[in-house]
Amino acid sequence: MKFKRIEWIDFGRGFTIFLVVVGHVLSGIYTNHIYPNSDGLLMFFGEFIFLFIMPVFFSLSGYFFKAPENMVDYIVMIKKKAWNILVPYIVFSFVYVLLNQLGGEV
């Protein structure tokens, strides 16, 4: 069964992810005082982006959430989410700790 993608939802999610990256970049520039003459402006735009971007992203993502109909479906959904989220988290955490041990903390 093939589902048709809703393009404006995909665009909105992609744009919000882009704005999260922009917000983090602005925060890094502000924290490190790379452009000291524009610190107030950088802080304003960074805070403004973070004010609305995550609620918008979660709203767009939650638009397609379908609640499980029974407990068996709920358990299957939880196992699937755990596999998709926890396994990469554990693998990347292991790699991160291993690299820190080999190279030392920065």
C-alpha atoms as a PDB file:
ATOM      1  CA  MET A   1       0.000   0.000   0.000  1.00  0.00           C
ATOM      2  CA  LYS A   2       1.602   3.237  -1.146  1.00  0.00           C
ATOM      3  CA  PHE A   3       0.724   6.531   0.506  1.00  0.00           C
ATOM      4  CA  LYS A   4       0.804   9.840  -1.318  1.00  0.00           C
ATOM      5  CA  ARG A   5       2.931  12.445   0.438  1.00  0.00           C
ATOM      6  CA  ILE A   6       1.410  15.811   1.233  1.00  0.00           C
ATOM      7  CA  GLU A   7       3.968  18.217  -0.148  1.00  0.00           C
ATOM      8  CA  TRP A   8       3.217  21.244   2.017  1.00  0.00           C
ATOM      9  CA  ILE A   9       3.624  19.139   5.184  1.00  0.00           C
ATOM     10  CA  ASP A  10       6.963  17.792   3.936  1.00  0.00           C
ATOM     11  CA  PHE A  11       8.088  21.295   3.005  1.00  0.00           C
ATOM     12  CA  GLY A  12       7.005  22.676   6.378  1.00  0.00           C
ATOM     13  CA  ARG A  13       8.850  19.972   8.305  1.00  0.00           C
ATOM     14  CA  GLY A  14      11.969  20.466   6.199  1.00  0.00           C
ATOM     15  CA  PHE A  15      11.826  24.224   6.637  1.00  0.00           C
ATOM     16  CA  THR A  16      11.422  23.921  10.412  1.00  0.00           C
ATOM     17  CA  ILE A  17      14.434  21.581  10.568  1.00  0.00           C
ATOM     18  CA  PHE A  18      16.403  24.167   8.573  1.00  0.00           C
ATOM     19  CA  LEU A  19      15.343  26.904  10.998  1.00  0.00           C
ATOM     20  CA  VAL A  20      16.462  24.789  13.972  1.00  0.00           C
ATOM     21  CA  VAL A  21      19.913  24.547  12.360  1.00  0.00           C
ATOM     22  CA  VAL A  22      19.912  28.316  11.736  1.00  0.00           C
ATOM     23  CA  GLY A  23      18.919  28.931  15.360  1.00  0.00           C
ATOM     24  CA  HIS A  24      21.766  26.760  16.633  1.00  0.00           C
ATOM     25  CA  VAL A  25      24.245  28.468  14.319  1.00  0.00           C
ATOM     26  CA  LEU A  26      23.120  31.903  15.509  1.00  0.00           C
ATOM     27  CA  SER A  27      23.389  30.722  19.105  1.00  0.00           C
ATOM     28  CA  GLY A  28      26.937  29.484  18.472  1.00  0.00           C
ATOM     29  CA  ILE A  29      27.935  32.739  16.813  1.00  0.00           C
ATOM     30  CA  TYR A  30      26.459  34.709  19.731  1.00  0.00           C
ATOM     31  CA  THR A  31      28.076  32.495  22.396  1.00  0.00           C
ATOM     32  CA  ASN A  32      31.521  32.711  20.800  1.00  0.00           C
ATOM     33  CA  HIS A  33      31.258  36.472  20.069  1.00  0.00           C
ATOM     34  CA  ILE A  34      32.283  35.993  16.436  1.00  0.00           C
ATOM     35  CA  TYR A  35      30.488  39.194  15.410  1.00  0.00           C
ATOM     36  CA  PRO A  36      30.557  41.236  18.640  1.00  0.00           C
ATOM     37  CA  ASN A  37      28.895  44.313  17.101  1.00  0.00           C
ATOM     38  CA  SER A  38      25.737  42.351  16.310  1.00  0.00           C
ATOM     39  CA  ASP A  39      25.407  40.220  19.474  1.00  0.00           C
ATOM     40  CA  GLY A  40      22.029  41.721  20.437  1.00  0.00           C
ATOM     41  CA  LEU A  41      20.592  41.136  16.981  1.00  0.00           C
ATOM     42  CA  LEU A  42      21.895  37.558  16.840  1.00  0.00           C
ATOM     43  CA  MET A  43      20.415  36.807  20.248  1.00  0.00           C
ATOM     44  CA  PHE A  44      17.068  38.313  19.224  1.00  0.00           C
ATOM     45  CA  PHE A  45      16.778  36.254  16.019  1.00  0.00           C
ATOM     46  CA  GLY A  46      17.971  33.069  17.716  1.00  0.00           C
ATOM     47  CA  GLU A  47      15.467  33.439  20.555  1.00  0.00           C
ATOM     48  CA  PHE A  48      12.714  34.397  18.116  1.00  0.00           C
ATOM     49  CA  ILE A  49      13.289  31.256  16.041  1.00  0.00           C
ATOM     50  CA  PHE A  50      13.278  28.996  19.110  1.00  0.00           C
ATOM     51  CA  LEU A  51      10.084  30.638  20.343  1.00  0.00           C
ATOM     52  CA  PHE A  52       7.893  28.977  17.701  1.00  0.00           C
ATOM     53  CA  ILE A  53       9.870  26.460  15.658  1.00  0.00           C
ATOM     54  CA  MET A  54       9.582  23.306  17.775  1.00  0.00           C
ATOM     55  CA  PRO A  55       5.812  23.615  18.362  1.00  0.00           C
ATOM     56  CA  VAL A  56       5.328  24.082  14.612  1.00  0.00           C
ATOM     57  CA  PHE A  57       7.497  21.048  13.814  1.00  0.00           C
ATOM     58  CA  PHE A  58       5.695  18.817  16.322  1.00  0.00           C
ATOM     59  CA  SER A  59       2.304  20.029  15.113  1.00  0.00           C
ATOM     60  CA  LEU A  60       3.168  19.189  11.515  1.00  0.00           C
ATOM     61  CA  SER A  61       4.581  15.814  12.518  1.00  0.00           C
ATOM     62  CA  GLY A  62       1.650  14.979  14.779  1.00  0.00           C
ATOM     63  CA  TYR A  63      -0.809  15.715  11.980  1.00  0.00           C
ATOM     64  CA  PHE A  64      -0.393  12.143  10.742  1.00  0.00           C
ATOM     65  CA  PHE A  65      -0.362  10.331  14.078  1.00  0.00           C
ATOM     66  CA  LYS A  66      -2.891   7.533  14.200  1.00  0.00           C
ATOM     67  CA  ALA A  67      -3.691   6.230  17.662  1.00  0.00           C
ATOM     68  CA  PRO A  68      -3.496   2.445  18.088  1.00  0.00           C
ATOM     69  CA  GLU A  69      -6.860   0.736  18.233  1.00  0.00           C
ATOM     70  CA  ASN A  70      -5.997  -1.844  20.895  1.00  0.00           C
ATOM     71  CA  MET A  71      -3.273  -2.782  23.384  1.00  0.00           C
ATOM     72  CA  VAL A  72      -1.511  -5.186  21.019  1.00  0.00           C
ATOM     73  CA  ASP A  73      -1.140  -2.484  18.370  1.00  0.00           C
ATOM     74  CA  TYR A  74       0.058  -0.089  21.068  1.00  0.00           C
ATOM     75  CA  ILE A  75       2.792  -2.499  22.201  1.00  0.00           C
ATOM     76  CA  VAL A  76       3.859  -3.085  18.580  1.00  0.00           C
ATOM     77  CA  MET A  77       4.055   0.681  18.038  1.00  0.00           C
ATOM     78  CA  ILE A  78       6.164   1.157  21.205  1.00  0.00           C
ATOM     79  CA  LYS A  79       8.551  -1.639  20.175  1.00  0.00           C
ATOM     80  CA  LYS A  80       8.912  -0.163  16.703  1.00  0.00           C
ATOM     81  CA  LYS A  81       9.567   3.351  18.085  1.00  0.00           C
ATOM     82  CA  ALA A  82      12.068   1.972  20.603  1.00  0.00           C
ATOM     83  CA  TRP A  83      13.929   0.124  17.869  1.00  0.00           C
ATOM     84  CA  ASN A  84      14.003   3.191  15.606  1.00  0.00           C
ATOM     85  CA  ILE A  85      15.067   5.626  18.341  1.00  0.00           C
ATOM     86  CA  LEU A  86      16.924   3.730  21.073  1.00  0.00           C
ATOM     87  CA  VAL A  87      19.166   1.570  18.907  1.00  0.00           C
ATOM     88  CA  PRO A  88      20.732   4.510  16.998  1.00  0.00           C
ATOM     89  CA  TYR A  89      21.026   6.425  20.285  1.00  0.00           C
ATOM     90  CA  ILE A  90      22.892   3.562  21.939  1.00  0.00           C
ATOM     91  CA  VAL A  91      25.165   2.991  18.923  1.00  0.00           C
ATOM     92  CA  PHE A  92      26.110   6.675  18.553  1.00  0.00           C
ATOM     93  CA  SER A  93      26.570   7.041  22.326  1.00  0.00           C
ATOM     94  CA  PHE A  94      28.942   4.085  22.290  1.00  0.00           C
ATOM     95  CA  VAL A  95      30.899   5.570  19.379  1.00  0.00           C
ATOM     96  CA  TYR A  96      30.999   8.976  21.106  1.00  0.00           C
ATOM     97  CA  VAL A  97      32.324   7.529  24.379  1.00  0.00           C
ATOM     98  CA  LEU A  98      34.834   5.363  22.516  1.00  0.00           C
ATOM     99  CA  LEU A  99      36.171   8.325  20.537  1.00  0.00           C
ATOM    100  CA  ASN A 100      36.382  10.430  23.721  1.00  0.00           C
ATOM    101  CA  GLN A 101      38.384   7.689  25.410  1.00  0.00           C
ATOM    102  CA  LEU A 102      40.728   7.276  22.454  1.00  0.00           C
ATOM    103  CA  GLY A 103      41.208  10.963  21.632  1.00  0.00           C
ATOM    104  CA  GLY A 104      40.589  12.629  24.943  1.00  0.00           C
ATOM    105  CA  GLU A 105      37.949  15.188  25.768  1.00  0.00           C
ATOM    106  CA  VAL A 106      38.113  18.570  24.105  1.00  0.00           C
END
